[in-house]
């Protein structure tokens, strides 16, 4: 069984959501129910590969221990090297998982289970915000509910623990929950259309243009990009919709990315929860640290380097294959160039609000985006 795929998953999901509706209409919190059904679905998905289930349990226990230990240490004050050590330790299982992609480590097989990348984002966020003093305490039950929430377990969207905690503990009024459930149902069915109708159609077209000719490469880039959007946006919408019906307002992950007017606008619309996580916990912190330590002469240089580092890390997060690393660097360079152009160009400042300029900027952007998808697909490299 896979999340949001296959007859068995959806057959299981229907009664789960019906019971959630009954609990919600009784104006009760769904926290413990969400934990129970999350354990059920994760077990059913991972049980086909017992090693994956065992690694997940080990991973969960390690991350819970790290969070609770750091919680106690943090009460005694902020120590930078200890904070960095705990961030590093939370990432170690993911790093071991990613190493399996390299030929030298083939067969290692450590922590090979779906969702580990997204779970790691959640734990790292908790550690960082504990260091910042934003989070002082997180209970075992709240940590468990946040980490294993099954709609977002495999592929996100990436939620934030404090926002999630507010939802998971809330007992909605009947009218409020009915509205939430209705919105969730709408998002869920739009996601089904995206993933199982439009993405499938785009995939069939894409498979017709795999021969290595120039025109086919162009067609493949566009059809792959369209397929990626409908497939991932469809999955995300189902996850968001399911989350709503379980009482959690999971953040949206896409906002019409193909109308973006520049690369910065694109990343504000594409895989929003991921780009915002990187913005908040890598890019912004790099900018603040670099400014304090005066690593670069100008803010523009600082921001440009920050974009490249940020997107390089994002590329590595996707995987250690060359196509992912190049994809990350490609977007980092494009974002840096966009920043330089918008800060330095008088032409841009004079014309940025004009309709013809928007059309021109959109045309350039959409072509750069689609070429990026061609890199990401591995079809080019």
Protein backbone atom coordinates (compact mmCIF):
# COMPACT_ATOMS: atom_id res chain seq x y z
CA UNK A 1 0.00 0.00 0.00
CA UNK A 2 1.10 3.57 -0.72
CA UNK A 3 -0.16 6.90 0.56
CA UNK A 4 -2.90 8.39 -1.64
CA UNK A 5 -2.55 5.64 -4.20
CA UNK A 6 -4.35 2.40 -4.87
CA UNK A 7 -7.77 1.00 -4.12
CA UNK A 8 -6.83 -0.38 -0.69
CA UNK A 9 -5.61 2.99 0.64
CA UNK A 10 -8.74 4.85 -0.41
CA UNK A 11 -10.98 2.04 0.85
CA UNK A 12 -9.28 2.35 4.24
CA UNK A 13 -9.44 6.13 4.17
CA UNK A 14 -13.23 6.43 3.75
CA UNK A 15 -14.25 4.97 7.16
CA UNK A 16 -11.36 6.82 8.83
CA UNK A 17 -12.71 10.15 7.57
CA UNK A 18 -16.31 9.23 8.40
CA UNK A 19 -15.33 8.52 12.01
CA UNK A 20 -13.32 11.77 12.08
CA UNK A 21 -16.46 13.60 10.91
CA UNK A 22 -18.51 12.07 13.72
CA UNK A 23 -15.88 13.03 16.33
CA UNK A 24 -15.63 16.54 14.90
CA UNK A 25 -19.41 17.01 14.93
CA UNK A 26 -19.37 16.01 18.60
CA UNK A 27 -17.01 18.99 19.10
CA UNK A 28 -14.20 16.79 20.42
CA UNK A 29 -10.48 17.14 19.73
CA UNK A 30 -9.12 14.78 17.07
CA UNK A 31 -5.59 14.59 18.46
CA UNK A 32 -5.60 11.05 19.82
CA UNK A 33 -7.68 9.76 16.92
CA UNK A 34 -5.20 11.29 14.46
CA UNK A 35 -2.32 9.61 16.27
CA UNK A 36 -4.09 6.22 16.22
CA UNK A 37 -4.99 6.31 12.52
CA UNK A 38 -1.51 7.62 11.64
CA UNK A 39 0.07 4.63 13.39
CA UNK A 40 -2.32 2.37 11.48
CA UNK A 41 -1.61 3.83 8.03
CA UNK A 42 2.15 4.07 8.53
CA UNK A 43 2.25 0.45 9.66
CA UNK A 44 0.19 -0.69 6.67
CA UNK A 45 2.41 1.25 4.24
CA UNK A 46 5.74 0.14 5.73
CA UNK A 47 4.80 -3.43 6.69
CA UNK A 48 5.48 -4.67 3.14
CA UNK A 49 9.16 -3.99 3.89
CA UNK A 50 9.66 -5.00 7.54
CA UNK A 51 13.15 -3.45 7.62
CA UNK A 52 11.64 -0.08 6.69
CA UNK A 53 9.16 -0.32 9.56
CA UNK A 54 11.92 -1.23 12.01
CA UNK A 55 14.09 1.65 10.80
CA UNK A 56 11.17 4.04 11.17
CA UNK A 57 10.59 2.97 14.78
CA UNK A 58 14.32 3.35 15.52
CA UNK A 59 14.33 6.74 13.80
CA UNK A 60 11.31 7.91 15.77
CA UNK A 61 12.88 6.88 19.10
CA UNK A 62 16.22 8.53 18.23
CA UNK A 63 14.60 11.81 17.20
CA UNK A 64 12.28 11.87 20.20
CA UNK A 65 15.24 11.28 22.52
CA UNK A 66 17.26 14.06 20.85
CA UNK A 67 14.40 16.55 21.16
CA UNK A 68 13.67 15.74 24.80
CA UNK A 69 17.36 15.76 25.78
CA UNK A 70 17.97 19.08 24.03
CA UNK A 71 14.83 20.48 25.66
CA UNK A 72 16.40 19.86 29.07
CA UNK A 73 19.82 21.18 28.02
CA UNK A 74 18.31 24.34 26.54
CA UNK A 75 16.70 25.23 29.89
CA UNK A 76 20.20 25.86 31.21
CA UNK A 77 21.00 28.38 28.50
CA UNK A 78 22.04 28.69 24.86
CA UNK A 79 25.30 27.00 23.93
CA UNK A 80 26.01 27.28 20.20
CA UNK A 81 28.17 24.18 19.76
CA UNK A 82 25.67 21.97 21.61
CA UNK A 83 22.85 23.32 19.46
CA UNK A 84 24.83 22.62 16.29
CA UNK A 85 25.67 19.12 17.55
CA UNK A 86 21.99 18.29 18.08
CA UNK A 87 21.02 19.65 14.66
CA UNK A 88 23.76 17.49 13.16
CA UNK A 89 22.60 14.41 15.09
CA UNK A 90 19.00 14.85 13.91
CA UNK A 91 20.24 14.89 10.31
CA UNK A 92 22.53 11.83 10.61
CA UNK A 93 19.82 9.23 9.83
CA UNK A 94 18.81 11.15 6.70
CA UNK A 95 22.46 11.42 5.64
CA UNK A 96 22.88 7.65 6.08
CA UNK A 97 19.75 7.12 4.00
CA UNK A 98 21.04 9.39 1.21
CA UNK A 99 24.46 7.70 1.14
CA UNK A 100 22.79 4.62 -0.28
CA UNK A 101 22.43 6.56 -3.55
CA UNK A 102 26.22 6.52 -4.02
CA UNK A 103 27.84 3.49 -5.64
CA UNK A 104 30.40 3.22 -2.83
CA UNK A 105 27.60 2.75 -0.29
CA UNK A 106 25.18 0.64 -2.32
CA UNK A 107 23.57 -1.98 -0.16
CA UNK A 108 24.09 -0.01 3.04
CA UNK A 109 20.33 0.27 3.41
CA UNK A 110 20.27 2.25 6.66
CA UNK A 111 17.09 4.20 7.41
CA UNK A 112 15.55 3.38 4.06
CA UNK A 113 11.89 4.29 4.54
CA UNK A 114 9.62 6.73 2.75
CA UNK A 115 9.15 10.11 4.35
CA UNK A 116 12.45 10.37 6.23
CA UNK A 117 13.36 13.60 4.41
CA UNK A 118 10.15 15.33 5.42
CA UNK A 119 10.26 13.99 8.97
CA UNK A 120 13.79 15.34 9.37
CA UNK A 121 12.62 18.83 8.40
CA UNK A 122 10.10 18.69 11.24
CA UNK A 123 12.60 17.61 13.87
CA UNK A 124 15.27 20.11 12.79
CA UNK A 125 12.68 22.89 12.94
CA UNK A 126 11.85 21.96 16.55
CA UNK A 127 15.53 21.94 17.59
CA UNK A 128 16.20 25.29 15.88
CA UNK A 129 13.17 26.96 17.47
CA UNK A 130 14.11 25.52 20.87
CA UNK A 131 17.50 27.17 20.48
CA UNK A 132 15.77 30.43 19.51
CA UNK A 133 13.59 30.19 22.61
CA UNK A 134 10.40 30.09 20.56
CA UNK A 135 9.65 26.54 21.74
CA UNK A 136 10.28 25.82 25.40
CA UNK A 137 8.52 22.47 25.69
CA UNK A 138 6.90 19.88 23.45
CA UNK A 139 5.11 16.90 24.97
CA UNK A 140 5.72 13.36 23.75
CA UNK A 141 2.15 13.16 22.45
CA UNK A 142 2.40 16.46 20.56
CA UNK A 143 5.76 15.45 19.09
CA UNK A 144 4.31 12.10 18.03
CA UNK A 145 1.20 13.65 16.49
CA UNK A 146 3.32 16.17 14.57
CA UNK A 147 5.94 13.75 13.33
CA UNK A 148 3.73 10.86 12.21
CA UNK A 149 0.64 12.72 10.93
CA UNK A 150 -0.07 10.38 8.04
CA UNK A 151 -1.48 12.76 5.37
CA UNK A 152 1.87 14.59 5.22
CA UNK A 153 4.12 11.69 6.25
CA UNK A 154 5.52 10.77 2.86
CA UNK A 155 5.77 13.95 0.77
CA UNK A 156 4.63 16.84 2.92
CA UNK A 157 3.56 19.64 2.83
CA UNK A 158 6.02 20.61 5.56
CA UNK A 159 4.10 22.00 8.52
CA UNK A 160 5.46 23.89 11.55
CA UNK A 161 5.12 22.32 14.99
CA UNK A 162 3.62 25.33 16.80
CA UNK A 163 0.97 25.90 14.13
CA UNK A 164 0.21 22.17 13.97
CA UNK A 165 -0.06 21.92 17.76
CA UNK A 166 -2.68 24.67 17.84
CA UNK A 167 -4.84 22.75 15.37
CA UNK A 168 -4.36 19.24 16.75
CA UNK A 169 -5.44 20.27 20.26
CA UNK A 170 -8.42 22.32 19.15
CA UNK A 171 -11.99 21.17 19.70
CA UNK A 172 -13.81 22.90 16.82
CA UNK A 173 -17.36 24.12 17.11
CA UNK A 174 -19.70 22.04 14.96
CA UNK A 175 -20.26 24.72 12.30
CA UNK A 176 -16.54 25.52 12.20
CA UNK A 177 -15.57 21.88 11.76
CA UNK A 178 -18.21 21.32 9.06
CA UNK A 179 -16.77 24.25 7.11
CA UNK A 180 -13.25 22.85 7.58
CA UNK A 181 -14.35 19.37 6.50
CA UNK A 182 -16.11 20.79 3.44
CA UNK A 183 -13.00 22.72 2.37
CA UNK A 184 -10.92 19.62 2.90
CA UNK A 185 -13.26 17.50 0.80
CA UNK A 186 -13.11 20.05 -2.02
CA UNK A 187 -9.30 20.17 -1.96
CA UNK A 188 -9.17 16.38 -1.82
CA UNK A 189 -11.29 15.89 -4.95
CA UNK A 190 -9.41 18.59 -6.87
CA UNK A 191 -6.23 16.72 -5.93
CA UNK A 192 -7.69 13.48 -7.30
CA UNK A 193 -8.42 15.17 -10.63
CA UNK A 194 -4.94 16.70 -10.74
CA UNK A 195 -3.07 13.49 -9.95
CA UNK A 196 -5.14 10.77 -11.57
CA UNK A 197 -6.53 12.60 -14.60
CA UNK A 198 -4.37 15.57 -15.61
CA UNK A 199 -1.01 14.18 -14.45
CA UNK A 200 -1.78 10.86 -16.12
CA UNK A 201 -2.64 12.64 -19.37
CA UNK A 202 0.59 14.71 -19.22
CA UNK A 203 2.59 11.54 -18.52
CA UNK A 204 1.14 9.79 -21.58
CA UNK A 205 2.05 12.76 -23.77
CA UNK A 206 5.53 12.88 -22.19
CA UNK A 207 6.13 9.22 -23.07
CA UNK A 208 5.56 10.06 -26.74
CA UNK A 209 8.54 12.44 -26.89
CA UNK A 210 11.38 10.49 -25.32
CA UNK A 211 13.47 10.15 -28.47
CA UNK A 212 16.65 12.30 -28.17
CA UNK A 213 16.02 15.04 -30.73
CA UNK A 214 16.10 18.79 -30.12
CA UNK A 215 12.36 19.24 -30.59
CA UNK A 216 11.61 16.21 -28.46
CA UNK A 217 13.84 17.52 -25.66
CA UNK A 218 11.90 20.80 -25.68
CA UNK A 219 8.57 18.96 -25.71
CA UNK A 220 9.79 16.62 -22.97
CA UNK A 221 10.84 19.54 -20.76
CA UNK A 222 7.40 21.13 -20.98
CA UNK A 223 5.37 17.95 -20.62
CA UNK A 224 7.58 16.78 -17.74
CA UNK A 225 7.12 20.12 -15.99
CA UNK A 226 3.35 19.97 -16.45
CA UNK A 227 3.32 16.35 -15.28
CA UNK A 228 5.42 17.24 -12.21
CA UNK A 229 3.02 20.01 -11.28
CA UNK A 230 -0.22 18.05 -11.58
CA UNK A 231 1.27 14.93 -9.98
CA UNK A 232 2.84 16.66 -6.98
CA UNK A 233 0.22 19.40 -6.62
CA UNK A 234 -2.44 16.69 -6.81
CA UNK A 235 -0.75 14.66 -4.10
CA UNK A 236 -0.31 17.78 -1.97
CA UNK A 237 -3.94 18.81 -2.38
CA UNK A 238 -5.10 15.36 -1.28
CA UNK A 239 -2.78 15.55 1.73
CA UNK A 240 -3.99 19.06 2.59
CA UNK A 241 -7.62 18.09 2.12
CA UNK A 242 -7.23 14.97 4.23
CA UNK A 243 -5.50 17.04 6.91
CA UNK A 244 -8.39 19.51 6.98
CA UNK A 245 -10.89 16.68 7.44
CA UNK A 246 -8.77 15.41 10.35
CA UNK A 247 -8.85 18.85 11.97
CA UNK A 248 -5.44 20.14 10.84
CA UNK A 249 -5.16 23.12 8.47
CA UNK A 250 -2.15 21.78 6.57
CA UNK A 251 -0.51 24.64 4.59
CA UNK A 252 -1.02 24.72 0.83
CA UNK A 253 1.98 23.78 -1.27
CA UNK A 254 1.29 25.39 -4.66
CA UNK A 255 -0.16 28.70 -5.84
CA UNK A 256 -0.37 28.89 -9.63
CA UNK A 257 3.42 28.60 -10.17
CA UNK A 258 3.19 28.78 -13.97
CA UNK A 259 2.06 32.42 -13.89
CA UNK A 260 5.25 33.48 -12.08
CA UNK A 261 6.78 36.74 -13.31
CA UNK A 262 10.34 35.89 -12.21
CA UNK A 263 12.31 33.14 -10.47
CA UNK A 264 11.77 34.59 -7.00
CA UNK A 265 8.05 34.65 -7.67
CA UNK A 266 8.22 31.04 -8.89
CA UNK A 267 9.76 29.82 -5.64
CA UNK A 268 7.11 31.73 -3.70
CA UNK A 269 4.52 29.65 -5.57
CA UNK A 270 6.18 26.24 -6.12
CA UNK A 271 6.52 23.70 -3.29
CA UNK A 272 5.80 26.60 -0.94
CA UNK A 273 6.29 24.74 2.34
CA UNK A 274 9.74 23.55 1.24
CA UNK A 275 10.94 26.90 -0.11
CA UNK A 276 9.66 28.71 3.00
CA UNK A 277 11.43 26.20 5.26
CA UNK A 278 14.73 26.78 3.44
CA UNK A 279 14.13 30.53 3.45
CA UNK A 280 13.51 30.65 7.20
CA UNK A 281 16.06 28.14 8.46
CA UNK A 282 18.93 28.36 5.97
CA UNK A 283 18.81 31.46 3.76
CA UNK A 284 17.73 34.01 6.38
CA UNK A 285 20.11 32.65 9.01
CA UNK A 286 22.98 32.72 6.52
CA UNK A 287 22.17 36.36 5.70
CA UNK A 288 22.03 37.36 9.37
CA UNK A 289 25.22 35.48 10.24
CA UNK A 290 27.11 36.82 7.21
CA UNK A 291 26.00 40.39 7.93
CA UNK A 292 27.11 40.18 11.57
CA UNK A 293 30.48 38.67 10.65
CA UNK A 294 30.91 40.94 7.60
CA UNK A 295 31.79 38.03 5.31
CA UNK A 296 30.96 40.05 2.18
CA UNK A 297 31.30 43.69 1.22
CA UNK A 298 27.68 44.30 0.20
CA UNK A 299 24.23 43.01 1.08
CA UNK A 300 23.68 42.14 -2.56
CA UNK A 301 26.71 39.85 -2.61
CA UNK A 302 25.55 38.29 0.66
CA UNK A 303 22.08 37.63 -0.74
CA UNK A 304 23.47 36.24 -4.00
CA UNK A 305 25.76 33.79 -2.23
CA UNK A 306 22.89 32.93 0.12
CA UNK A 307 20.64 32.01 -2.79
CA UNK A 308 23.27 29.72 -4.31
CA UNK A 309 24.03 27.97 -1.01
CA UNK A 310 20.33 27.68 -0.18
CA UNK A 311 19.40 26.07 -3.49
CA UNK A 312 22.50 23.87 -3.54
CA UNK A 313 21.42 22.41 -0.19
CA UNK A 314 17.92 21.96 -1.57
CA UNK A 315 19.34 20.08 -4.54
CA UNK A 316 21.38 17.80 -2.26
CA UNK A 317 18.28 17.23 -0.14
CA UNK A 318 16.48 15.90 -3.22
CA UNK A 319 19.30 13.42 -3.74
CA UNK A 320 23.00 12.97 -4.39
CA UNK A 321 22.55 12.33 -8.10
CA UNK A 322 24.28 14.86 -10.35
CA UNK A 323 20.97 15.99 -11.88
CA UNK A 324 19.64 17.11 -8.48
CA UNK A 325 22.83 18.92 -7.51
CA UNK A 326 23.00 20.72 -10.86
CA UNK A 327 19.29 21.55 -10.56
CA UNK A 328 19.90 23.17 -7.19
CA UNK A 329 22.89 25.18 -8.41
CA UNK A 330 20.98 26.18 -11.54
CA UNK A 331 18.14 27.67 -9.52
CA UNK A 332 20.54 29.23 -7.02
CA UNK A 333 22.38 31.04 -9.81
CA UNK A 334 19.09 32.14 -11.41
CA UNK A 335 17.84 33.53 -8.10
CA UNK A 336 21.15 35.33 -7.53
CA UNK A 337 21.04 36.84 -11.04
CA UNK A 338 17.40 37.86 -10.52
CA UNK A 339 18.33 39.60 -7.26
CA UNK A 340 21.26 41.45 -8.88
CA UNK A 341 19.17 42.45 -11.90
CA UNK A 342 16.27 43.76 -9.82
CA UNK A 343 18.53 45.71 -7.47
CA UNK A 344 20.86 47.16 -10.11
CA UNK A 345 18.79 47.58 -13.28
CA UNK A 346 17.21 50.96 -14.02
CA UNK A 347 15.42 49.31 -16.95
CA UNK A 348 13.71 46.95 -14.52
CA UNK A 349 12.65 49.74 -12.16
CA UNK A 350 11.23 51.80 -15.05
CA UNK A 351 9.25 48.99 -16.65
CA UNK A 352 8.43 46.36 -14.01
CA UNK A 353 4.79 47.46 -13.66
CA UNK A 354 4.07 47.60 -17.40
CA UNK A 355 1.98 44.86 -19.00
CA UNK A 356 4.40 44.21 -21.87
CA UNK A 357 7.22 43.78 -19.38
CA UNK A 358 5.20 41.26 -17.38
CA UNK A 359 4.56 39.23 -20.54
CA UNK A 360 8.24 39.33 -21.47
CA UNK A 361 9.34 38.46 -17.94
CA UNK A 362 6.81 35.62 -17.73
CA UNK A 363 7.99 34.20 -21.07
CA UNK A 364 11.62 34.16 -19.95
CA UNK A 365 10.70 32.72 -16.55
CA UNK A 366 8.54 29.87 -17.82
CA UNK A 367 11.27 28.77 -20.24
CA UNK A 368 13.93 28.87 -17.51
CA UNK A 369 11.63 26.88 -15.21
CA UNK A 370 10.94 24.22 -17.82
CA UNK A 371 14.63 23.87 -18.62
CA UNK A 372 15.19 23.38 -14.91
CA UNK A 373 12.67 20.55 -14.91
CA UNK A 374 14.57 18.95 -17.78
CA UNK A 375 17.72 19.02 -15.63
CA UNK A 376 15.80 17.63 -12.64
CA UNK A 377 14.35 14.77 -14.68
CA UNK A 378 17.84 13.39 -15.39
CA UNK A 379 16.93 13.30 -19.06
CA UNK A 380 19.59 15.85 -19.90
CA UNK A 381 22.43 14.73 -17.59
